[in-house]
Amino acid sequence: MKFSPCIGKCTDQGTHCEGCGRSHDEIAEMKKHVASLTTFAENMKYENIEDFANAVAGSIKYKMLGSH
């Protein structure tokens, strides 16, 4: 399955967003993980949020691409 990012045209009818095409369950799960990472960064009082976000993205890519 290919990831489709939010394009800012969210809908909540049916099972999938008409804007990005993702299921509402997938969107809710993603929001839960983002909220968790946001809370973690806030609790750590990181000042360099962009570096944190880039490090998380890099770790995800490393783990996903390294597993193939």
PDB file of N, CA and C in Angstrom:
ATOM      1  N   MET A   1       0.845  -1.173   0.000  1.00  0.00           N
ATOM      2  CA  MET A   1       0.000   0.000   0.000  1.00  0.00           C
ATOM      3  C   MET A   1       0.890   1.236   0.000  1.00  0.00           C
ATOM      4  N   LYS A   2       0.514   2.216  -0.747  1.00  0.00           N
ATOM      5  CA  LYS A   2       1.274   3.466  -0.824  1.00  0.00           C
ATOM      6  C   LYS A   2       0.652   4.486   0.121  1.00  0.00           C
ATOM      7  N   PHE A   3       1.500   5.186   0.878  1.00  0.00           N
ATOM      8  CA  PHE A   3       1.045   6.237   1.792  1.00  0.00           C
ATOM      9  C   PHE A   3       0.618   7.452   0.984  1.00  0.00           C
ATOM     10  N   SER A   4      -0.485   8.040   1.389  1.00  0.00           N
ATOM     11  CA  SER A   4      -0.988   9.253   0.757  1.00  0.00           C
ATOM     12  C   SER A   4      -1.115  10.330   1.823  1.00  0.00           C
ATOM     13  N   PRO A   5      -0.295  11.379   1.759  1.00  0.00           N
ATOM     14  CA  PRO A   5      -0.341  12.417   2.798  1.00  0.00           C
ATOM     15  C   PRO A   5      -1.594  13.276   2.714  1.00  0.00           C
ATOM     16  N   CYS A   6      -1.903  13.921   3.807  1.00  0.00           N
ATOM     17  CA  CYS A   6      -3.032  14.842   3.879  1.00  0.00           C
ATOM     18  C   CYS A   6      -2.799  15.998   2.908  1.00  0.00           C
ATOM     19  N   ILE A   7      -3.877  16.385   2.224  1.00  0.00           N
ATOM     20  CA  ILE A   7      -3.787  17.525   1.306  1.00  0.00           C
ATOM     21  C   ILE A   7      -4.668  18.680   1.775  1.00  0.00           C
ATOM     22  N   GLY A   8      -5.174  18.561   3.021  1.00  0.00           N
ATOM     23  CA  GLY A   8      -5.959  19.640   3.604  1.00  0.00           C
ATOM     24  C   GLY A   8      -7.405  19.712   3.144  1.00  0.00           C
ATOM     25  N   LYS A   9      -7.900  18.657   2.539  1.00  0.00           N
ATOM     26  CA  LYS A   9      -9.295  18.616   2.087  1.00  0.00           C
ATOM     27  C   LYS A   9      -9.982  17.425   2.748  1.00  0.00           C
ATOM     28  N   CYS A  10      -9.942  17.404   4.073  1.00  0.00           N
ATOM     29  CA  CYS A  10     -10.416  16.261   4.848  1.00  0.00           C
ATOM     30  C   CYS A  10     -11.934  16.120   4.818  1.00  0.00           C
ATOM     31  N   THR A  11     -12.371  14.878   4.764  1.00  0.00           N
ATOM     32  CA  THR A  11     -13.792  14.563   4.882  1.00  0.00           C
ATOM     33  C   THR A  11     -13.934  13.442   5.898  1.00  0.00           C
ATOM     34  N   ASP A  12     -15.109  13.351   6.508  1.00  0.00           N
ATOM     35  CA  ASP A  12     -15.306  12.287   7.496  1.00  0.00           C
ATOM     36  C   ASP A  12     -16.473  11.369   7.146  1.00  0.00           C
ATOM     37  N   GLN A  13     -17.008  11.501   5.951  1.00  0.00           N
ATOM     38  CA  GLN A  13     -18.067  10.606   5.512  1.00  0.00           C
ATOM     39  C   GLN A  13     -17.465   9.306   4.980  1.00  0.00           C
ATOM     40  N   GLY A  14     -18.251   8.228   5.052  1.00  0.00           N
ATOM     41  CA  GLY A  14     -17.799   6.942   4.522  1.00  0.00           C
ATOM     42  C   GLY A  14     -16.662   6.357   5.331  1.00  0.00           C
ATOM     43  N   THR A  15     -15.910   5.472   4.703  1.00  0.00           N
ATOM     44  CA  THR A  15     -14.808   4.801   5.391  1.00  0.00           C
ATOM     45  C   THR A  15     -13.458   5.439   5.105  1.00  0.00           C
ATOM     46  N   HIS A  16     -13.389   6.266   4.045  1.00  0.00           N
ATOM     47  CA  HIS A  16     -12.125   6.877   3.643  1.00  0.00           C
ATOM     48  C   HIS A  16     -12.289   8.382   3.447  1.00  0.00           C
ATOM     49  N   CYS A  17     -11.219   9.107   3.711  1.00  0.00           N
ATOM     50  CA  CYS A  17     -11.187  10.549   3.461  1.00  0.00           C
ATOM     51  C   CYS A  17     -11.187  10.768   1.945  1.00  0.00           C
ATOM     52  N   GLU A  18     -12.040  11.661   1.483  1.00  0.00           N
ATOM     53  CA  GLU A  18     -12.070  11.952   0.052  1.00  0.00           C
ATOM     54  C   GLU A  18     -10.878  12.802  -0.380  1.00  0.00           C
ATOM     55  N   GLY A  19     -10.213  13.466   0.573  1.00  0.00           N
ATOM     56  CA  GLY A  19      -9.050  14.293   0.244  1.00  0.00           C
ATOM     57  C   GLY A  19      -7.808  13.461  -0.043  1.00  0.00           C
ATOM     58  N   CYS A  20      -7.420  12.620   0.918  1.00  0.00           N
ATOM     59  CA  CYS A  20      -6.176  11.854   0.772  1.00  0.00           C
ATOM     60  C   CYS A  20      -6.409  10.393   0.386  1.00  0.00           C
ATOM     61  N   GLY A  21      -7.633   9.911   0.603  1.00  0.00           N
ATOM     62  CA  GLY A  21      -7.936   8.527   0.251  1.00  0.00           C
ATOM     63  C   GLY A  21      -7.616   7.511   1.329  1.00  0.00           C
ATOM     64  N   ARG A  22      -7.031   7.975   2.451  1.00  0.00           N
ATOM     65  CA  ARG A  22      -6.708   7.036   3.531  1.00  0.00           C
ATOM     66  C   ARG A  22      -7.975   6.704   4.320  1.00  0.00           C
ATOM     67  N   SER A  23      -7.969   5.521   4.939  1.00  0.00           N
ATOM     68  CA  SER A  23      -9.113   5.152   5.770  1.00  0.00           C
ATOM     69  C   SER A  23      -9.120   6.022   7.023  1.00  0.00           C
ATOM     70  N   HIS A  24     -10.293   6.219   7.563  1.00  0.00           N
ATOM     71  CA  HIS A  24     -10.400   7.014   8.785  1.00  0.00           C
ATOM     72  C   HIS A  24      -9.694   6.316   9.942  1.00  0.00           C
ATOM     73  N   ASP A  25      -9.665   4.976   9.927  1.00  0.00           N
ATOM     74  CA  ASP A  25      -8.927   4.230  10.954  1.00  0.00           C
ATOM     75  C   ASP A  25      -7.423   4.499  10.846  1.00  0.00           C
ATOM     76  N   GLU A  26      -6.902   4.515   9.625  1.00  0.00           N
ATOM     77  CA  GLU A  26      -5.471   4.793   9.422  1.00  0.00           C
ATOM     78  C   GLU A  26      -5.132   6.207   9.890  1.00  0.00           C
ATOM     79  N   ILE A  27      -5.973   7.158   9.553  1.00  0.00           N
ATOM     80  CA  ILE A  27      -5.745   8.551   9.953  1.00  0.00           C
ATOM     81  C   ILE A  27      -5.747   8.670  11.473  1.00  0.00           C
ATOM     82  N   ALA A  28      -6.710   8.018  12.130  1.00  0.00           N
ATOM     83  CA  ALA A  28      -6.791   8.065  13.595  1.00  0.00           C
ATOM     84  C   ALA A  28      -5.560   7.446  14.237  1.00  0.00           C
ATOM     85  N   GLU A  29      -5.085   6.330  13.690  1.00  0.00           N
ATOM     86  CA  GLU A  29      -3.892   5.663  14.229  1.00  0.00           C
ATOM     87  C   GLU A  29      -2.663   6.560  14.072  1.00  0.00           C
ATOM     88  N   MET A  30      -2.546   7.205  12.910  1.00  0.00           N
ATOM     89  CA  MET A  30      -1.418   8.101  12.656  1.00  0.00           C
ATOM     90  C   MET A  30      -1.447   9.282  13.623  1.00  0.00           C
ATOM     91  N   LYS A  31      -2.639   9.852  13.832  1.00  0.00           N
ATOM     92  CA  LYS A  31      -2.768  10.973  14.763  1.00  0.00           C
ATOM     93  C   LYS A  31      -2.349  10.559  16.167  1.00  0.00           C
ATOM     94  N   LYS A  32      -2.675   9.343  16.565  1.00  0.00           N
ATOM     95  CA  LYS A  32      -2.311   8.841  17.886  1.00  0.00           C
ATOM     96  C   LYS A  32      -0.783   8.780  18.043  1.00  0.00           C
ATOM     97  N   HIS A  33      -0.100   8.290  17.008  1.00  0.00           N
ATOM     98  CA  HIS A  33       1.367   8.185  17.082  1.00  0.00           C
ATOM     99  C   HIS A  33       2.033   9.558  17.043  1.00  0.00           C
ATOM    100  N   VAL A  34       1.507  10.452  16.231  1.00  0.00           N
ATOM    101  CA  VAL A  34       2.058  11.817  16.170  1.00  0.00           C
ATOM    102  C   VAL A  34       1.859  12.515  17.512  1.00  0.00           C
ATOM    103  N   ALA A  35       0.681  12.345  18.115  1.00  0.00           N
ATOM    104  CA  ALA A  35       0.419  12.961  19.418  1.00  0.00           C
ATOM    105  C   ALA A  35       1.386  12.423  20.464  1.00  0.00           C
ATOM    106  N   SER A  36       1.669  11.135  20.415  1.00  0.00           N
ATOM    107  CA  SER A  36       2.599  10.527  21.364  1.00  0.00           C
ATOM    108  C   SER A  36       4.012  11.095  21.197  1.00  0.00           C
ATOM    109  N   LEU A  37       4.464  11.211  19.967  1.00  0.00           N
ATOM    110  CA  LEU A  37       5.794  11.782  19.709  1.00  0.00           C
ATOM    111  C   LEU A  37       5.846  13.261  20.092  1.00  0.00           C
ATOM    112  N   THR A  38       4.764  13.982  19.857  1.00  0.00           N
ATOM    113  CA  THR A  38       4.702  15.387  20.233  1.00  0.00           C
ATOM    114  C   THR A  38       4.788  15.549  21.745  1.00  0.00           C
ATOM    115  N   THR A  39       4.043  14.733  22.464  1.00  0.00           N
ATOM    116  CA  THR A  39       4.080  14.772  23.930  1.00  0.00           C
ATOM    117  C   THR A  39       5.478  14.442  24.432  1.00  0.00           C
ATOM    118  N   PHE A  40       6.118  13.437  23.832  1.00  0.00           N
ATOM    119  CA  PHE A  40       7.482  13.067  24.217  1.00  0.00           C
ATOM    120  C   PHE A  40       8.435  14.250  24.037  1.00  0.00           C
ATOM    121  N   ALA A  41       8.371  14.893  22.862  1.00  0.00           N
ATOM    122  CA  ALA A  41       9.257  16.028  22.580  1.00  0.00           C
ATOM    123  C   ALA A  41       8.995  17.187  23.542  1.00  0.00           C
ATOM    124  N   GLU A  42       7.718  17.420  23.861  1.00  0.00           N
ATOM    125  CA  GLU A  42       7.381  18.489  24.806  1.00  0.00           C
ATOM    126  C   GLU A  42       7.904  18.158  26.201  1.00  0.00           C
ATOM    127  N   ASN A  43       7.748  16.915  26.630  1.00  0.00           N
ATOM    128  CA  ASN A  43       8.236  16.499  27.954  1.00  0.00           C
ATOM    129  C   ASN A  43       9.757  16.595  28.053  1.00  0.00           C
ATOM    130  N   MET A  44      10.434  16.333  26.942  1.00  0.00           N
ATOM    131  CA  MET A  44      11.899  16.433  26.915  1.00  0.00           C
ATOM    132  C   MET A  44      12.353  17.885  26.797  1.00  0.00           C
ATOM    133  N   LYS A  45      11.420  18.776  26.506  1.00  0.00           N
ATOM    134  CA  LYS A  45      11.689  20.202  26.324  1.00  0.00           C
ATOM    135  C   LYS A  45      12.705  20.467  25.200  1.00  0.00           C
ATOM    136  N   TYR A  46      12.572  19.680  24.113  1.00  0.00           N
ATOM    137  CA  TYR A  46      13.447  19.895  22.967  1.00  0.00           C
ATOM    138  C   TYR A  46      13.210  21.273  22.375  1.00  0.00           C
ATOM    139  N   GLU A  47      14.281  21.981  22.104  1.00  0.00           N
ATOM    140  CA  GLU A  47      14.199  23.289  21.464  1.00  0.00           C
ATOM    141  C   GLU A  47      14.361  23.170  19.952  1.00  0.00           C
ATOM    142  N   ASN A  48      14.995  22.091  19.523  1.00  0.00           N
ATOM    143  CA  ASN A  48      15.281  21.893  18.100  1.00  0.00           C
ATOM    144  C   ASN A  48      14.320  20.839  17.523  1.00  0.00           C
ATOM    145  N   ILE A  49      13.053  21.230  17.436  1.00  0.00           N
ATOM    146  CA  ILE A  49      11.989  20.319  17.015  1.00  0.00           C
ATOM    147  C   ILE A  49      12.233  19.784  15.607  1.00  0.00           C
ATOM    148  N   GLU A  50      12.729  20.618  14.719  1.00  0.00           N
ATOM    149  CA  GLU A  50      12.975  20.146  13.351  1.00  0.00           C
ATOM    150  C   GLU A  50      14.005  19.022  13.340  1.00  0.00           C
ATOM    151  N   ASP A  51      15.061  19.138  14.143  1.00  0.00           N
ATOM    152  CA  ASP A  51      16.054  18.069  14.227  1.00  0.00           C
ATOM    153  C   ASP A  51      15.437  16.787  14.782  1.00  0.00           C
ATOM    154  N   PHE A  52      14.562  16.930  15.800  1.00  0.00           N
ATOM    155  CA  PHE A  52      13.886  15.771  16.367  1.00  0.00           C
ATOM    156  C   PHE A  52      13.016  15.088  15.315  1.00  0.00           C
ATOM    157  N   ALA A  53      12.203  15.870  14.609  1.00  0.00           N
ATOM    158  CA  ALA A  53      11.313  15.313  13.588  1.00  0.00           C
ATOM    159  C   ALA A  53      12.111  14.622  12.480  1.00  0.00           C
ATOM    160  N   ASN A  54      13.204  15.242  12.056  1.00  0.00           N
ATOM    161  CA  ASN A  54      14.046  14.636  11.024  1.00  0.00           C
ATOM    162  C   ASN A  54      14.697  13.346  11.519  1.00  0.00           C
ATOM    163  N   ALA A  55      15.095  13.313  12.783  1.00  0.00           N
ATOM    164  CA  ALA A  55      15.699  12.105  13.343  1.00  0.00           C
ATOM    165  C   ALA A  55      14.679  10.967  13.406  1.00  0.00           C
ATOM    166  N   VAL A  56      13.451  11.290  13.803  1.00  0.00           N
ATOM    167  CA  VAL A  56      12.395  10.270  13.845  1.00  0.00           C
ATOM    168  C   VAL A  56      12.144   9.743  12.434  1.00  0.00           C
ATOM    169  N   ALA A  57      12.009  10.647  11.469  1.00  0.00           N
ATOM    170  CA  ALA A  57      11.780  10.226  10.081  1.00  0.00           C
ATOM    171  C   ALA A  57      12.937   9.367   9.584  1.00  0.00           C
ATOM    172  N   GLY A  58      14.163   9.759   9.893  1.00  0.00           N
ATOM    173  CA  GLY A  58      15.328   8.979   9.483  1.00  0.00           C
ATOM    174  C   GLY A  58      15.339   7.594  10.112  1.00  0.00           C
ATOM    175  N   SER A  59      14.967   7.514  11.378  1.00  0.00           N
ATOM    176  CA  SER A  59      14.918   6.214  12.058  1.00  0.00           C
ATOM    177  C   SER A  59      13.876   5.302  11.424  1.00  0.00           C
ATOM    178  N   ILE A  60      12.741   5.860  11.091  1.00  0.00           N
ATOM    179  CA  ILE A  60      11.686   5.062  10.452  1.00  0.00           C
ATOM    180  C   ILE A  60      12.171   4.546   9.098  1.00  0.00           C
ATOM    181  N   LYS A  61      12.765   5.429   8.304  1.00  0.00           N
ATOM    182  CA  LYS A  61      13.272   5.016   6.987  1.00  0.00           C
ATOM    183  C   LYS A  61      14.333   3.941   7.136  1.00  0.00           C
ATOM    184  N   TYR A  62      15.261   4.113   8.085  1.00  0.00           N
ATOM    185  CA  TYR A  62      16.331   3.147   8.299  1.00  0.00           C
ATOM    186  C   TYR A  62      15.762   1.775   8.657  1.00  0.00           C
ATOM    187  N   LYS A  63      14.811   1.755   9.579  1.00  0.00           N
ATOM    188  CA  LYS A  63      14.225   0.485  10.007  1.00  0.00           C
ATOM    189  C   LYS A  63      13.403  -0.163   8.888  1.00  0.00           C
ATOM    190  N   MET A  64      12.662   0.635   8.150  1.00  0.00           N
ATOM    191  CA  MET A  64      11.825   0.086   7.077  1.00  0.00           C
ATOM    192  C   MET A  64      12.656  -0.393   5.896  1.00  0.00           C
ATOM    193  N   LEU A  65      13.604   0.398   5.467  1.00  0.00           N
ATOM    194  CA  LEU A  65      14.429   0.024   4.317  1.00  0.00           C
ATOM    195  C   LEU A  65      15.457  -1.044   4.681  1.00  0.00           C
ATOM    196  N   GLY A  66      15.882  -1.035   5.938  1.00  0.00           N
ATOM    197  CA  GLY A  66      16.863  -2.034   6.375  1.00  0.00           C
ATOM    198  C   GLY A  66      16.259  -3.422   6.569  1.00  0.00           C
ATOM    199  N   SER A  67      14.920  -3.485   6.647  1.00  0.00           N
ATOM    200  CA  SER A  67      14.277  -4.771   6.887  1.00  0.00           C
ATOM    201  C   SER A  67      14.030  -5.540   5.594  1.00  0.00           C
ATOM    202  N   HIS A  68      14.341  -4.943   4.455  1.00  0.00           N
ATOM    203  CA  HIS A  68      14.097  -5.624   3.167  1.00  0.00           C
ATOM    204  C   HIS A  68      15.330  -6.290   2.636  1.00  0.00           C
TER     205      HIS A  68
END
